[in-house]
Amino acid sequence: MSIVGRLISRFPHRELPIRRLLAQSAEFRAVCADYEEALAAMRHWQATNCDAKAKEYGAFASELEAEIVRMLDLSTEPKP
């Protein structure tokens, strides 16, 4: 699944802001790419039964997901 599909399936009510930020923000794209890499690393370490590494990358993915949510929140705040 692509990062767009993954984010939209995770946050379906935020599809438009996700697509908008991916198109307009290099910073958002970079955070999303890091998130995708952290998830891939977590899955890799889970498959090799290395729980410590899987947890480490899972925690990193959670931090990146929180940053994605923060960026989405900021993008949808009303401008004064």
PDB file of N, CA and C in Angstrom:
ATOM      1  N   MET A   1       0.852  -1.185   0.000  1.00  0.00           N
ATOM      2  CA  MET A   1       0.000   0.000   0.000  1.00  0.00           C
ATOM      3  C   MET A   1       0.894   1.244   0.000  1.00  0.00           C
ATOM      4  N   SER A   2       0.511   2.226  -0.758  1.00  0.00           N
ATOM      5  CA  SER A   2       1.272   3.476  -0.821  1.00  0.00           C
ATOM      6  C   SER A   2       1.061   4.292   0.454  1.00  0.00           C
ATOM      7  N   ILE A   3       1.932   5.253   0.655  1.00  0.00           N
ATOM      8  CA  ILE A   3       1.797   6.112   1.825  1.00  0.00           C
ATOM      9  C   ILE A   3       0.477   6.876   1.785  1.00  0.00           C
ATOM     10  N   VAL A   4       0.049   7.298   0.604  1.00  0.00           N
ATOM     11  CA  VAL A   4      -1.236   8.001   0.485  1.00  0.00           C
ATOM     12  C   VAL A   4      -2.359   7.081   0.949  1.00  0.00           C
ATOM     13  N   GLY A   5      -2.366   5.866   0.416  1.00  0.00           N
ATOM     14  CA  GLY A   5      -3.401   4.901   0.805  1.00  0.00           C
ATOM     15  C   GLY A   5      -3.355   4.571   2.279  1.00  0.00           C
ATOM     16  N   ARG A   6      -2.142   4.417   2.814  1.00  0.00           N
ATOM     17  CA  ARG A   6      -1.997   4.088   4.232  1.00  0.00           C
ATOM     18  C   ARG A   6      -2.535   5.218   5.107  1.00  0.00           C
ATOM     19  N   LEU A   7      -2.179   6.469   4.768  1.00  0.00           N
ATOM     20  CA  LEU A   7      -2.655   7.604   5.568  1.00  0.00           C
ATOM     21  C   LEU A   7      -4.166   7.782   5.462  1.00  0.00           C
ATOM     22  N   ILE A   8      -4.698   7.605   4.265  1.00  0.00           N
ATOM     23  CA  ILE A   8      -6.144   7.770   4.090  1.00  0.00           C
ATOM     24  C   ILE A   8      -6.898   6.651   4.790  1.00  0.00           C
ATOM     25  N   SER A   9      -6.359   5.440   4.775  1.00  0.00           N
ATOM     26  CA  SER A   9      -7.041   4.362   5.496  1.00  0.00           C
ATOM     27  C   SER A   9      -6.951   4.581   7.007  1.00  0.00           C
ATOM     28  N   ARG A  10      -5.858   5.190   7.467  1.00  0.00           N
ATOM     29  CA  ARG A  10      -5.686   5.475   8.896  1.00  0.00           C
ATOM     30  C   ARG A  10      -6.539   6.664   9.340  1.00  0.00           C
ATOM     31  N   PHE A  11      -6.656   7.678   8.462  1.00  0.00           N
ATOM     32  CA  PHE A  11      -7.409   8.899   8.764  1.00  0.00           C
ATOM     33  C   PHE A  11      -8.377   9.215   7.620  1.00  0.00           C
ATOM     34  N   PRO A  12      -9.402   8.413   7.411  1.00  0.00           N
ATOM     35  CA  PRO A  12     -10.279   8.606   6.244  1.00  0.00           C
ATOM     36  C   PRO A  12     -10.990   9.961   6.222  1.00  0.00           C
ATOM     37  N   HIS A  13     -11.269  10.524   7.377  1.00  0.00           N
ATOM     38  CA  HIS A  13     -11.941  11.819   7.451  1.00  0.00           C
ATOM     39  C   HIS A  13     -11.014  12.978   7.084  1.00  0.00           C
ATOM     40  N   ARG A  14      -9.732  12.684   6.844  1.00  0.00           N
ATOM     41  CA  ARG A  14      -8.761  13.731   6.524  1.00  0.00           C
ATOM     42  C   ARG A  14      -8.160  13.562   5.137  1.00  0.00           C
ATOM     43  N   GLU A  15      -8.874  12.893   4.269  1.00  0.00           N
ATOM     44  CA  GLU A  15      -8.332  12.620   2.934  1.00  0.00           C
ATOM     45  C   GLU A  15      -7.945  13.897   2.201  1.00  0.00           C
ATOM     46  N   LEU A  16      -8.813  14.882   2.161  1.00  0.00           N
ATOM     47  CA  LEU A  16      -8.515  16.116   1.427  1.00  0.00           C
ATOM     48  C   LEU A  16      -7.280  16.835   1.988  1.00  0.00           C
ATOM     49  N   PRO A  17      -7.185  17.052   3.317  1.00  0.00           N
ATOM     50  CA  PRO A  17      -5.971  17.701   3.829  1.00  0.00           C
ATOM     51  C   PRO A  17      -4.707  16.875   3.578  1.00  0.00           C
ATOM     52  N   ILE A  18      -4.808  15.560   3.642  1.00  0.00           N
ATOM     53  CA  ILE A  18      -3.648  14.713   3.360  1.00  0.00           C
ATOM     54  C   ILE A  18      -3.182  14.944   1.928  1.00  0.00           C
ATOM     55  N   ARG A  19      -4.104  14.856   0.991  1.00  0.00           N
ATOM     56  CA  ARG A  19      -3.744  15.043  -0.416  1.00  0.00           C
ATOM     57  C   ARG A  19      -3.200  16.449  -0.671  1.00  0.00           C
ATOM     58  N   ARG A  20      -3.814  17.434  -0.029  1.00  0.00           N
ATOM     59  CA  ARG A  20      -3.381  18.825  -0.212  1.00  0.00           C
ATOM     60  C   ARG A  20      -1.950  19.010   0.309  1.00  0.00           C
ATOM     61  N   LEU A  21      -1.690  18.529   1.518  1.00  0.00           N
ATOM     62  CA  LEU A  21      -0.348  18.699   2.082  1.00  0.00           C
ATOM     63  C   LEU A  21       0.698  17.906   1.310  1.00  0.00           C
ATOM     64  N   LEU A  22       0.354  16.716   0.855  1.00  0.00           N
ATOM     65  CA  LEU A  22       1.311  15.951   0.054  1.00  0.00           C
ATOM     66  C   LEU A  22       1.673  16.706  -1.223  1.00  0.00           C
ATOM     67  N   ALA A  23       0.715  17.402  -1.793  1.00  0.00           N
ATOM     68  CA  ALA A  23       0.962  18.157  -3.024  1.00  0.00           C
ATOM     69  C   ALA A  23       1.723  19.455  -2.763  1.00  0.00           C
ATOM     70  N   GLN A  24       1.538  20.051  -1.593  1.00  0.00           N
ATOM     71  CA  GLN A  24       2.055  21.393  -1.361  1.00  0.00           C
ATOM     72  C   GLN A  24       3.250  21.497  -0.419  1.00  0.00           C
ATOM     73  N   SER A  25       3.494  20.489   0.407  1.00  0.00           N
ATOM     74  CA  SER A  25       4.498  20.643   1.459  1.00  0.00           C
ATOM     75  C   SER A  25       5.595  19.582   1.368  1.00  0.00           C
ATOM     76  N   ALA A  26       6.791  20.035   1.072  1.00  0.00           N
ATOM     77  CA  ALA A  26       7.946  19.130   1.048  1.00  0.00           C
ATOM     78  C   ALA A  26       8.219  18.577   2.451  1.00  0.00           C
ATOM     79  N   GLU A  27       8.008  19.392   3.465  1.00  0.00           N
ATOM     80  CA  GLU A  27       8.218  18.942   4.847  1.00  0.00           C
ATOM     81  C   GLU A  27       7.255  17.807   5.194  1.00  0.00           C
ATOM     82  N   PHE A  28       5.985  17.943   4.819  1.00  0.00           N
ATOM     83  CA  PHE A  28       4.996  16.900   5.080  1.00  0.00           C
ATOM     84  C   PHE A  28       5.366  15.622   4.328  1.00  0.00           C
ATOM     85  N   ARG A  29       5.766  15.761   3.078  1.00  0.00           N
ATOM     86  CA  ARG A  29       6.188  14.583   2.302  1.00  0.00           C
ATOM     87  C   ARG A  29       7.368  13.883   2.960  1.00  0.00           C
ATOM     88  N   ALA A  30       8.306  14.657   3.490  1.00  0.00           N
ATOM     89  CA  ALA A  30       9.484  14.073   4.149  1.00  0.00           C
ATOM     90  C   ALA A  30       9.084  13.310   5.416  1.00  0.00           C
ATOM     91  N   VAL A  31       8.202  13.888   6.214  1.00  0.00           N
ATOM     92  CA  VAL A  31       7.734  13.202   7.428  1.00  0.00           C
ATOM     93  C   VAL A  31       6.994  11.925   7.046  1.00  0.00           C
ATOM     94  N   CYS A  32       6.186  11.993   6.009  1.00  0.00           N
ATOM     95  CA  CYS A  32       5.449  10.809   5.548  1.00  0.00           C
ATOM     96  C   CYS A  32       6.405   9.727   5.043  1.00  0.00           C
ATOM     97  N   ALA A  33       7.454  10.120   4.346  1.00  0.00           N
ATOM     98  CA  ALA A  33       8.443   9.151   3.860  1.00  0.00           C
ATOM     99  C   ALA A  33       9.157   8.495   5.040  1.00  0.00           C
ATOM    100  N   ASP A  34       9.509   9.278   6.040  1.00  0.00           N
ATOM    101  CA  ASP A  34      10.145   8.722   7.239  1.00  0.00           C
ATOM    102  C   ASP A  34       9.195   7.758   7.953  1.00  0.00           C
ATOM    103  N   TYR A  35       7.918   8.116   8.020  1.00  0.00           N
ATOM    104  CA  TYR A  35       6.893   7.273   8.633  1.00  0.00           C
ATOM    105  C   TYR A  35       6.808   5.939   7.899  1.00  0.00           C
ATOM    106  N   GLU A  36       6.780   5.996   6.585  1.00  0.00           N
ATOM    107  CA  GLU A  36       6.713   4.777   5.768  1.00  0.00           C
ATOM    108  C   GLU A  36       7.936   3.892   6.007  1.00  0.00           C
ATOM    109  N   GLU A  37       9.113   4.502   6.077  1.00  0.00           N
ATOM    110  CA  GLU A  37      10.334   3.739   6.333  1.00  0.00           C
ATOM    111  C   GLU A  37      10.330   3.123   7.729  1.00  0.00           C
ATOM    112  N   ALA A  38       9.846   3.851   8.717  1.00  0.00           N
ATOM    113  CA  ALA A  38       9.782   3.316  10.086  1.00  0.00           C
ATOM    114  C   ALA A  38       8.822   2.138  10.156  1.00  0.00           C
ATOM    115  N   LEU A  39       7.684   2.233   9.466  1.00  0.00           N
ATOM    116  CA  LEU A  39       6.743   1.108   9.445  1.00  0.00           C
ATOM    117  C   LEU A  39       7.348  -0.108   8.756  1.00  0.00           C
ATOM    118  N   ALA A  40       8.066   0.119   7.665  1.00  0.00           N
ATOM    119  CA  ALA A  40       8.708  -0.989   6.954  1.00  0.00           C
ATOM    120  C   ALA A  40       9.766  -1.644   7.840  1.00  0.00           C
ATOM    121  N   ALA A  41      10.553  -0.849   8.535  1.00  0.00           N
ATOM    122  CA  ALA A  41      11.571  -1.396   9.436  1.00  0.00           C
ATOM    123  C   ALA A  41      10.917  -2.171  10.575  1.00  0.00           C
ATOM    124  N   MET A  42       9.831  -1.644  11.119  1.00  0.00           N
ATOM    125  CA  MET A  42       9.123  -2.342  12.188  1.00  0.00           C
ATOM    126  C   MET A  42       8.638  -3.709  11.704  1.00  0.00           C
ATOM    127  N   ARG A  43       8.035  -3.741  10.504  1.00  0.00           N
ATOM    128  CA  ARG A  43       7.549  -5.018   9.953  1.00  0.00           C
ATOM    129  C   ARG A  43       8.709  -5.987   9.720  1.00  0.00           C
ATOM    130  N   HIS A  44       9.827  -5.462   9.236  1.00  0.00           N
ATOM    131  CA  HIS A  44      11.005  -6.307   9.020  1.00  0.00           C
ATOM    132  C   HIS A  44      11.447  -6.964  10.325  1.00  0.00           C
ATOM    133  N   TRP A  45      11.593  -6.158  11.379  1.00  0.00           N
ATOM    134  CA  TRP A  45      12.077  -6.693  12.648  1.00  0.00           C
ATOM    135  C   TRP A  45      11.044  -7.603  13.310  1.00  0.00           C
ATOM    136  N   GLN A  46       9.764  -7.341  13.081  1.00  0.00           N
ATOM    137  CA  GLN A  46       8.741  -8.262  13.582  1.00  0.00           C
ATOM    138  C   GLN A  46       8.875  -9.621  12.905  1.00  0.00           C
ATOM    139  N   ALA A  47       9.128  -9.606  11.602  1.00  0.00           N
ATOM    140  CA  ALA A  47       9.246 -10.850  10.837  1.00  0.00           C
ATOM    141  C   ALA A  47      10.468 -11.661  11.257  1.00  0.00           C
ATOM    142  N   THR A  48      11.493 -10.991  11.761  1.00  0.00           N
ATOM    143  CA  THR A  48      12.702 -11.702  12.192  1.00  0.00           C
ATOM    144  C   THR A  48      12.683 -11.978  13.695  1.00  0.00           C
ATOM    145  N   ASN A  49      11.535 -11.713  14.326  1.00  0.00           N
ATOM    146  CA  ASN A  49      11.347 -11.960  15.764  1.00  0.00           C
ATOM    147  C   ASN A  49      12.332 -11.210  16.646  1.00  0.00           C
ATOM    148  N   CYS A  50      12.703 -10.034  16.221  1.00  0.00           N
ATOM    149  CA  CYS A  50      13.561  -9.169  17.036  1.00  0.00           C
ATOM    150  C   CYS A  50      12.662  -8.112  17.682  1.00  0.00           C
ATOM    151  N   ASP A  51      12.078  -8.489  18.812  1.00  0.00           N
ATOM    152  CA  ASP A  51      11.083  -7.633  19.460  1.00  0.00           C
ATOM    153  C   ASP A  51      11.612  -6.271  19.866  1.00  0.00           C
ATOM    154  N   ALA A  52      12.834  -6.210  20.333  1.00  0.00           N
ATOM    155  CA  ALA A  52      13.387  -4.926  20.783  1.00  0.00           C
ATOM    156  C   ALA A  52      13.471  -3.934  19.627  1.00  0.00           C
ATOM    157  N   LYS A  53      13.984  -4.373  18.489  1.00  0.00           N
ATOM    158  CA  LYS A  53      14.077  -3.488  17.314  1.00  0.00           C
ATOM    159  C   LYS A  53      12.692  -3.146  16.788  1.00  0.00           C
ATOM    160  N   ALA A  54      11.791  -4.126  16.767  1.00  0.00           N
ATOM    161  CA  ALA A  54      10.424  -3.870  16.292  1.00  0.00           C
ATOM    162  C   ALA A  54       9.755  -2.808  17.162  1.00  0.00           C
ATOM    163  N   LYS A  55       9.935  -2.907  18.469  1.00  0.00           N
ATOM    164  CA  LYS A  55       9.345  -1.911  19.378  1.00  0.00           C
ATOM    165  C   LYS A  55       9.966  -0.540  19.159  1.00  0.00           C
ATOM    166  N   GLU A  56      11.276  -0.515  18.952  1.00  0.00           N
ATOM    167  CA  GLU A  56      11.976   0.750  18.720  1.00  0.00           C
ATOM    168  C   GLU A  56      11.420   1.450  17.482  1.00  0.00           C
ATOM    169  N   TYR A  57      11.297   0.717  16.382  1.00  0.00           N
ATOM    170  CA  TYR A  57      10.774   1.319  15.162  1.00  0.00           C
ATOM    171  C   TYR A  57       9.283   1.599  15.267  1.00  0.00           C
ATOM    172  N   GLY A  58       8.560   0.795  16.030  1.00  0.00           N
ATOM    173  CA  GLY A  58       7.143   1.076  16.266  1.00  0.00           C
ATOM    174  C   GLY A  58       6.947   2.381  17.019  1.00  0.00           C
ATOM    175  N   ALA A  59       7.804   2.605  18.011  1.00  0.00           N
ATOM    176  CA  ALA A  59       7.732   3.858  18.770  1.00  0.00           C
ATOM    177  C   ALA A  59       8.072   5.051  17.879  1.00  0.00           C
ATOM    178  N   PHE A  60       9.083   4.878  17.031  1.00  0.00           N
ATOM    179  CA  PHE A  60       9.454   5.948  16.110  1.00  0.00           C
ATOM    180  C   PHE A  60       8.311   6.237  15.145  1.00  0.00           C
ATOM    181  N   ALA A  61       7.663   5.182  14.630  1.00  0.00           N
ATOM    182  CA  ALA A  61       6.523   5.367  13.729  1.00  0.00           C
ATOM    183  C   ALA A  61       5.392   6.110  14.444  1.00  0.00           C
ATOM    184  N   SER A  62       5.160   5.796  15.708  1.00  0.00           N
ATOM    185  CA  SER A  62       4.121   6.490  16.478  1.00  0.00           C
ATOM    186  C   SER A  62       4.427   7.976  16.633  1.00  0.00           C
ATOM    187  N   GLU A  63       5.705   8.294  16.875  1.00  0.00           N
ATOM    188  CA  GLU A  63       6.101   9.702  16.982  1.00  0.00           C
ATOM    189  C   GLU A  63       5.881  10.421  15.649  1.00  0.00           C
ATOM    190  N   LEU A  64       6.236   9.764  14.577  1.00  0.00           N
ATOM    191  CA  LEU A  64       6.047  10.380  13.252  1.00  0.00           C
ATOM    192  C   LEU A  64       4.562  10.532  12.932  1.00  0.00           C
ATOM    193  N   GLU A  65       3.760   9.553  13.325  1.00  0.00           N
ATOM    194  CA  GLU A  65       2.318   9.665  13.102  1.00  0.00           C
ATOM    195  C   GLU A  65       1.742  10.850  13.874  1.00  0.00           C
ATOM    196  N   ALA A  66       2.219  11.053  15.091  1.00  0.00           N
ATOM    197  CA  ALA A  66       1.777  12.210  15.874  1.00  0.00           C
ATOM    198  C   ALA A  66       2.166  13.511  15.180  1.00  0.00           C
ATOM    199  N   GLU A  67       3.340  13.539  14.583  1.00  0.00           N
ATOM    200  CA  GLU A  67       3.774  14.733  13.838  1.00  0.00           C
ATOM    201  C   GLU A  67       2.896  14.945  12.607  1.00  0.00           C
ATOM    202  N   ILE A  68       2.535  13.876  11.932  1.00  0.00           N
ATOM    203  CA  ILE A  68       1.638  13.972  10.770  1.00  0.00           C
ATOM    204  C   ILE A  68       0.300  14.553  11.204  1.00  0.00           C
ATOM    205  N   VAL A  69      -0.241  14.070  12.312  1.00  0.00           N
ATOM    206  CA  VAL A  69      -1.517  14.583  12.822  1.00  0.00           C
ATOM    207  C   VAL A  69      -1.389  16.058  13.177  1.00  0.00           C
ATOM    208  N   ARG A  70      -0.278  16.426  13.819  1.00  0.00           N
ATOM    209  CA  ARG A  70      -0.058  17.836  14.175  1.00  0.00           C
ATOM    210  C   ARG A  70      -0.037  18.713  12.924  1.00  0.00           C
ATOM    211  N   MET A  71       0.657  18.240  11.899  1.00  0.00           N
ATOM    212  CA  MET A  71       0.732  19.009  10.656  1.00  0.00           C
ATOM    213  C   MET A  71      -0.637  19.109   9.990  1.00  0.00           C
ATOM    214  N   LEU A  72      -1.400  18.034  10.032  1.00  0.00           N
ATOM    215  CA  LEU A  72      -2.756  18.079   9.476  1.00  0.00           C
ATOM    216  C   LEU A  72      -3.627  19.053  10.258  1.00  0.00           C
ATOM    217  N   ASP A  73      -3.518  19.011  11.590  1.00  0.00           N
ATOM    218  CA  ASP A  73      -4.289  19.937  12.424  1.00  0.00           C
ATOM    219  C   ASP A  73      -3.953  21.384  12.090  1.00  0.00           C
ATOM    220  N   LEU A  74      -2.665  21.673  11.966  1.00  0.00           N
ATOM    221  CA  LEU A  74      -2.249  23.044  11.652  1.00  0.00           C
ATOM    222  C   LEU A  74      -2.743  23.482  10.271  1.00  0.00           C
ATOM    223  N   SER A  75      -2.803  22.546   9.351  1.00  0.00           N
ATOM    224  CA  SER A  75      -3.228  22.899   7.992  1.00  0.00           C
ATOM    225  C   SER A  75      -4.722  23.179   7.884  1.00  0.00           C
ATOM    226  N   THR A  76      -5.475  22.686   8.868  1.00  0.00           N
ATOM    227  CA  THR A  76      -6.935  22.872   8.799  1.00  0.00           C
ATOM    228  C   THR A  76      -7.451  23.889   9.814  1.00  0.00           C
ATOM    229  N   GLU A  77      -6.519  24.495  10.581  1.00  0.00           N
ATOM    230  CA  GLU A  77      -6.942  25.547  11.515  1.00  0.00           C
ATOM    231  C   GLU A  77      -7.392  26.762  10.740  1.00  0.00           C
ATOM    232  N   PRO A  78      -8.459  27.403  11.214  1.00  0.00           N
ATOM    233  CA  PRO A  78      -8.878  28.645  10.561  1.00  0.00           C
ATOM    234  C   PRO A  78      -7.796  29.707  10.665  1.00  0.00           C
ATOM    235  N   LYS A  79      -7.581  30.403   9.581  1.00  0.00           N
ATOM    236  CA  LYS A  79      -6.585  31.495   9.549  1.00  0.00           C
ATOM    237  C   LYS A  79      -7.255  32.767  10.035  1.00  0.00           C
ATOM    238  N   PRO A  80      -6.538  33.560  10.874  1.00  0.00           N
ATOM    239  CA  PRO A  80      -7.140  34.812  11.386  1.00  0.00           C
ATOM    240  C   PRO A  80      -7.302  35.852  10.302  1.00  0.00           C
TER     241      PRO A  80
END
